[in-house]
Amino acid sequence: MRNRSLYVTAFAAIVGLAIAAIVVMVQKDEAGAGLLKPEDRRVLALGKTLYAANCASCHGVKLEGQVEDWRSPGPDGLMPAPPHDETGHTWHHPDELLFEITKYGTVAAANLKNYTSAMPIYEGVLTDTEIIAVLSYIKSTWPDEIRSRHDEMNARYALEPK
């Protein structure tokens, strides 16, 4: 009787640990997926429309950026709008930072003191859902290799302590 009770307890502990491990793996998977939804057609349709209305005038209709030399300040001292296609640096940042840059501005999101940009702050202009839609649309245009690398970066970023 005593041995049976010990076996039942051990079995319950093993099952509990297995369930906990599965929950942790699912949470990591979900965290690694990031905020963006580049596979969701409804999100992309909204994002494409919002991009055309709010972003294309600076970042380009084809996400090509404002000028070829987007890494150097323009004559006005402001950084030009970078490309959002695979030639730019957008995909070098995790989803959360892209969201924060769009919502709060580059200076606040990246904690930069001496950075000047004409990039507007979209807090109060676009909802969080709309910002995610625009960023999802941008990501949907990247080649598969770039999207995979961006997904891997999101997964690593999700594991970092905040």
C-alpha atoms as a PDB file:
ATOM      1  CA  MET A   1       0.000   0.000   0.000  1.00  0.00           C
ATOM      2  CA  ARG A   2       2.808   2.350   0.936  1.00  0.00           C
ATOM      3  CA  ASN A   3       4.709   1.561  -2.277  1.00  0.00           C
ATOM      4  CA  ARG A   4       1.614   2.197  -4.351  1.00  0.00           C
ATOM      5  CA  SER A   5       1.169   5.616  -2.741  1.00  0.00           C
ATOM      6  CA  LEU A   6       4.812   6.411  -3.473  1.00  0.00           C
ATOM      7  CA  TYR A   7       4.372   5.407  -7.144  1.00  0.00           C
ATOM      8  CA  VAL A   8       1.227   7.508  -7.502  1.00  0.00           C
ATOM      9  CA  THR A   9       2.995  10.526  -5.989  1.00  0.00           C
ATOM     10  CA  ALA A  10       6.021  10.068  -8.236  1.00  0.00           C
ATOM     11  CA  PHE A  11       3.806   9.676 -11.313  1.00  0.00           C
ATOM     12  CA  ALA A  12       1.830  12.815 -10.412  1.00  0.00           C
ATOM     13  CA  ALA A  13       5.082  14.765  -9.978  1.00  0.00           C
ATOM     14  CA  ILE A  14       6.374  13.621 -13.359  1.00  0.00           C
ATOM     15  CA  VAL A  15       3.093  14.538 -15.077  1.00  0.00           C
ATOM     16  CA  GLY A  16       3.155  17.941 -13.337  1.00  0.00           C
ATOM     17  CA  LEU A  17       6.712  18.614 -14.511  1.00  0.00           C
ATOM     18  CA  ALA A  18       5.827  17.581 -18.069  1.00  0.00           C
ATOM     19  CA  ILE A  19       2.844  19.940 -18.122  1.00  0.00           C
ATOM     20  CA  ALA A  20       4.978  22.769 -16.741  1.00  0.00           C
ATOM     21  CA  ALA A  21       7.632  22.152 -19.412  1.00  0.00           C
ATOM     22  CA  ILE A  22       5.009  22.239 -22.168  1.00  0.00           C
ATOM     23  CA  VAL A  23       3.559  25.504 -20.833  1.00  0.00           C
ATOM     24  CA  VAL A  24       7.016  27.099 -20.749  1.00  0.00           C
ATOM     25  CA  MET A  25       7.778  25.941 -24.310  1.00  0.00           C
ATOM     26  CA  VAL A  26       4.456  27.313 -25.603  1.00  0.00           C
ATOM     27  CA  GLN A  27       5.052  30.643 -23.844  1.00  0.00           C
ATOM     28  CA  LYS A  28       8.530  30.892 -25.392  1.00  0.00           C
ATOM     29  CA  ASP A  29       7.074  30.079 -28.807  1.00  0.00           C
ATOM     30  CA  GLU A  30       4.415  32.758 -28.430  1.00  0.00           C
ATOM     31  CA  ALA A  31       6.954  35.275 -27.142  1.00  0.00           C
ATOM     32  CA  GLY A  32       9.304  34.475 -30.018  1.00  0.00           C
ATOM     33  CA  ALA A  33       6.550  35.126 -32.527  1.00  0.00           C
ATOM     34  CA  GLY A  34       6.662  38.831 -31.722  1.00  0.00           C
ATOM     35  CA  LEU A  35       3.953  41.433 -32.072  1.00  0.00           C
ATOM     36  CA  LEU A  36       3.714  41.520 -35.828  1.00  0.00           C
ATOM     37  CA  LYS A  37       1.328  39.452 -37.930  1.00  0.00           C
ATOM     38  CA  PRO A  38       2.824  39.295 -41.448  1.00  0.00           C
ATOM     39  CA  GLU A  39       0.683  36.257 -42.357  1.00  0.00           C
ATOM     40  CA  ASP A  40      -2.706  37.770 -41.443  1.00  0.00           C
ATOM     41  CA  ARG A  41      -4.361  39.069 -44.640  1.00  0.00           C
ATOM     42  CA  ARG A  42      -6.811  41.361 -42.822  1.00  0.00           C
ATOM     43  CA  VAL A  43      -4.026  42.939 -40.779  1.00  0.00           C
ATOM     44  CA  LEU A  44      -1.924  43.380 -43.941  1.00  0.00           C
ATOM     45  CA  ALA A  45      -4.758  45.032 -45.866  1.00  0.00           C
ATOM     46  CA  LEU A  46      -5.203  47.576 -43.081  1.00  0.00           C
ATOM     47  CA  GLY A  47      -1.440  48.027 -42.750  1.00  0.00           C
ATOM     48  CA  LYS A  48      -0.968  48.650 -46.469  1.00  0.00           C
ATOM     49  CA  THR A  49      -3.683  51.313 -46.475  1.00  0.00           C
ATOM     50  CA  LEU A  50      -2.288  53.000 -43.360  1.00  0.00           C
ATOM     51  CA  TYR A  51       1.273  52.837 -44.709  1.00  0.00           C
ATOM     52  CA  ALA A  52       0.166  54.574 -47.924  1.00  0.00           C
ATOM     53  CA  ALA A  53      -1.621  57.296 -45.939  1.00  0.00           C
ATOM     54  CA  ASN A  54       0.949  57.868 -43.175  1.00  0.00           C
ATOM     55  CA  CYS A  55       4.382  56.573 -44.182  1.00  0.00           C
ATOM     56  CA  ALA A  56       4.879  56.345 -47.950  1.00  0.00           C
ATOM     57  CA  SER A  57       5.393  60.092 -48.438  1.00  0.00           C
ATOM     58  CA  CYS A  58       8.707  59.810 -46.555  1.00  0.00           C
ATOM     59  CA  HIS A  59       9.661  56.122 -46.585  1.00  0.00           C
ATOM     60  CA  GLY A  60       8.620  55.595 -50.208  1.00  0.00           C
ATOM     61  CA  VAL A  61       5.718  53.874 -51.912  1.00  0.00           C
ATOM     62  CA  LYS A  62       7.930  50.810 -52.409  1.00  0.00           C
ATOM     63  CA  LEU A  63       9.511  51.146 -48.930  1.00  0.00           C
ATOM     64  CA  GLU A  64      12.708  52.392 -50.644  1.00  0.00           C
ATOM     65  CA  GLY A  65      13.399  55.269 -48.255  1.00  0.00           C
ATOM     66  CA  GLN A  66      13.723  58.990 -48.733  1.00  0.00           C
ATOM     67  CA  VAL A  67      17.219  59.173 -50.215  1.00  0.00           C
ATOM     68  CA  GLU A  68      19.930  56.722 -51.200  1.00  0.00           C
ATOM     69  CA  ASP A  69      22.288  57.904 -48.434  1.00  0.00           C
ATOM     70  CA  TRP A  70      19.817  57.503 -45.590  1.00  0.00           C
ATOM     71  CA  ARG A  71      22.554  56.999 -42.972  1.00  0.00           C
ATOM     72  CA  SER A  72      23.792  60.612 -43.174  1.00  0.00           C
ATOM     73  CA  PRO A  73      21.969  63.748 -42.032  1.00  0.00           C
ATOM     74  CA  GLY A  74      20.425  65.823 -44.792  1.00  0.00           C
ATOM     75  CA  PRO A  75      21.170  69.507 -45.420  1.00  0.00           C
ATOM     76  CA  ASP A  76      18.627  70.381 -42.714  1.00  0.00           C
ATOM     77  CA  GLY A  77      20.575  68.295 -40.167  1.00  0.00           C
ATOM     78  CA  LEU A  78      17.780  65.738 -39.868  1.00  0.00           C
ATOM     79  CA  MET A  79      18.205  62.054 -40.563  1.00  0.00           C
ATOM     80  CA  PRO A  80      16.299  61.111 -43.723  1.00  0.00           C
ATOM     81  CA  ALA A  81      13.603  58.443 -43.670  1.00  0.00           C
ATOM     82  CA  PRO A  82      15.323  55.063 -44.087  1.00  0.00           C
ATOM     83  CA  PRO A  83      14.080  52.318 -46.374  1.00  0.00           C
ATOM     84  CA  HIS A  84      11.847  49.701 -44.803  1.00  0.00           C
ATOM     85  CA  ASP A  85      12.661  47.082 -47.409  1.00  0.00           C
ATOM     86  CA  GLU A  86      15.446  44.505 -46.977  1.00  0.00           C
ATOM     87  CA  THR A  87      18.122  47.128 -47.800  1.00  0.00           C
ATOM     88  CA  GLY A  88      17.273  49.180 -44.723  1.00  0.00           C
ATOM     89  CA  HIS A  89      17.789  48.554 -41.060  1.00  0.00           C
ATOM     90  CA  THR A  90      14.179  48.126 -39.916  1.00  0.00           C
ATOM     91  CA  TRP A  91      14.511  44.346 -39.744  1.00  0.00           C
ATOM     92  CA  HIS A  92      17.528  44.715 -37.443  1.00  0.00           C
ATOM     93  CA  HIS A  93      15.214  45.715 -34.588  1.00  0.00           C
ATOM     94  CA  PRO A  94      12.807  43.503 -32.639  1.00  0.00           C
ATOM     95  CA  ASP A  95       9.069  44.064 -32.981  1.00  0.00           C
ATOM     96  CA  GLU A  96       8.747  45.754 -29.601  1.00  0.00           C
ATOM     97  CA  LEU A  97      11.361  48.385 -30.449  1.00  0.00           C
ATOM     98  CA  LEU A  98       9.829  49.027 -33.881  1.00  0.00           C
ATOM     99  CA  PHE A  99       6.472  49.525 -32.173  1.00  0.00           C
ATOM    100  CA  GLU A 100       7.953  51.906 -29.590  1.00  0.00           C
ATOM    101  CA  ILE A 101       9.835  53.918 -32.241  1.00  0.00           C
ATOM    102  CA  THR A 102       6.624  54.332 -34.217  1.00  0.00           C
ATOM    103  CA  LYS A 103       4.446  55.171 -31.236  1.00  0.00           C
ATOM    104  CA  TYR A 104       6.801  57.273 -29.091  1.00  0.00           C
ATOM    105  CA  GLY A 105       9.528  58.398 -31.518  1.00  0.00           C
ATOM    106  CA  THR A 106      13.120  57.334 -32.016  1.00  0.00           C
ATOM    107  CA  VAL A 107      14.575  59.547 -29.290  1.00  0.00           C
ATOM    108  CA  ALA A 108      12.309  58.162 -26.564  1.00  0.00           C
ATOM    109  CA  ALA A 109      12.264  54.544 -27.763  1.00  0.00           C
ATOM    110  CA  ALA A 110      16.027  54.225 -28.223  1.00  0.00           C
ATOM    111  CA  ASN A 111      16.963  56.603 -25.398  1.00  0.00           C
ATOM    112  CA  LEU A 112      18.948  58.847 -27.744  1.00  0.00           C
ATOM    113  CA  LYS A 113      19.700  62.379 -26.651  1.00  0.00           C
ATOM    114  CA  ASN A 114      21.358  63.968 -29.714  1.00  0.00           C
ATOM    115  CA  TYR A 115      19.397  62.309 -32.508  1.00  0.00           C
ATOM    116  CA  THR A 116      17.291  64.489 -34.770  1.00  0.00           C
ATOM    117  CA  SER A 117      14.682  63.120 -37.097  1.00  0.00           C
ATOM    118  CA  ALA A 118      11.568  64.306 -38.872  1.00  0.00           C
ATOM    119  CA  MET A 119       9.843  61.025 -37.928  1.00  0.00           C
ATOM    120  CA  PRO A 120       6.513  61.937 -36.348  1.00  0.00           C
ATOM    121  CA  ILE A 121       5.304  60.374 -33.130  1.00  0.00           C
ATOM    122  CA  TYR A 122       2.162  58.354 -33.832  1.00  0.00           C
ATOM    123  CA  GLU A 123       0.845  58.142 -30.275  1.00  0.00           C
ATOM    124  CA  GLY A 124      -2.665  59.573 -30.466  1.00  0.00           C
ATOM    125  CA  VAL A 125      -2.612  59.413 -34.284  1.00  0.00           C
ATOM    126  CA  LEU A 126      -2.667  55.644 -34.839  1.00  0.00           C
ATOM    127  CA  THR A 127      -3.972  53.068 -32.393  1.00  0.00           C
ATOM    128  CA  ASP A 128      -1.697  50.279 -31.193  1.00  0.00           C
ATOM    129  CA  THR A 129      -3.556  47.887 -33.502  1.00  0.00           C
ATOM    130  CA  GLU A 130      -2.984  50.214 -36.460  1.00  0.00           C
ATOM    131  CA  ILE A 131       0.735  50.567 -35.668  1.00  0.00           C
ATOM    132  CA  ILE A 132       1.057  46.783 -35.527  1.00  0.00           C
ATOM    133  CA  ALA A 133      -0.797  46.542 -38.854  1.00  0.00           C
ATOM    134  CA  VAL A 134       1.604  48.971 -40.559  1.00  0.00           C
ATOM    135  CA  LEU A 135       4.662  47.192 -39.175  1.00  0.00           C
ATOM    136  CA  SER A 136       3.158  43.820 -40.135  1.00  0.00           C
ATOM    137  CA  TYR A 137       2.665  45.066 -43.689  1.00  0.00           C
ATOM    138  CA  ILE A 138       6.277  46.239 -43.830  1.00  0.00           C
ATOM    139  CA  LYS A 139       7.536  42.865 -42.572  1.00  0.00           C
ATOM    140  CA  SER A 140       5.334  41.009 -45.060  1.00  0.00           C
ATOM    141  CA  THR A 141       7.316  42.570 -47.922  1.00  0.00           C
ATOM    142  CA  TRP A 142      10.690  41.243 -46.767  1.00  0.00           C
ATOM    143  CA  PRO A 143      12.245  38.159 -48.388  1.00  0.00           C
ATOM    144  CA  ASP A 144      11.759  34.886 -46.476  1.00  0.00           C
ATOM    145  CA  GLU A 145      15.398  34.819 -45.319  1.00  0.00           C
ATOM    146  CA  ILE A 146      15.134  38.294 -43.782  1.00  0.00           C
ATOM    147  CA  ARG A 147      11.803  37.454 -42.135  1.00  0.00           C
ATOM    148  CA  SER A 148      13.330  34.286 -40.657  1.00  0.00           C
ATOM    149  CA  ARG A 149      16.299  36.220 -39.294  1.00  0.00           C
ATOM    150  CA  HIS A 150      13.913  38.791 -37.828  1.00  0.00           C
ATOM    151  CA  ASP A 151      11.834  36.026 -36.203  1.00  0.00           C
ATOM    152  CA  GLU A 152      15.011  34.548 -34.669  1.00  0.00           C
ATOM    153  CA  MET A 153      15.955  37.965 -33.293  1.00  0.00           C
ATOM    154  CA  ASN A 154      12.462  38.364 -31.788  1.00  0.00           C
ATOM    155  CA  ALA A 155      12.825  34.970 -30.105  1.00  0.00           C
ATOM    156  CA  ARG A 156      16.209  35.952 -28.614  1.00  0.00           C
ATOM    157  CA  TYR A 157      14.855  39.348 -27.538  1.00  0.00           C
ATOM    158  CA  ALA A 158      11.890  37.688 -25.802  1.00  0.00           C
ATOM    159  CA  LEU A 159      14.286  35.718 -23.598  1.00  0.00           C
ATOM    160  CA  GLU A 160      16.247  38.789 -22.478  1.00  0.00           C
ATOM    161  CA  PRO A 161      15.442  40.181 -19.034  1.00  0.00           C
ATOM    162  CA  LYS A 162      13.394  43.370 -19.254  1.00  0.00           C
END
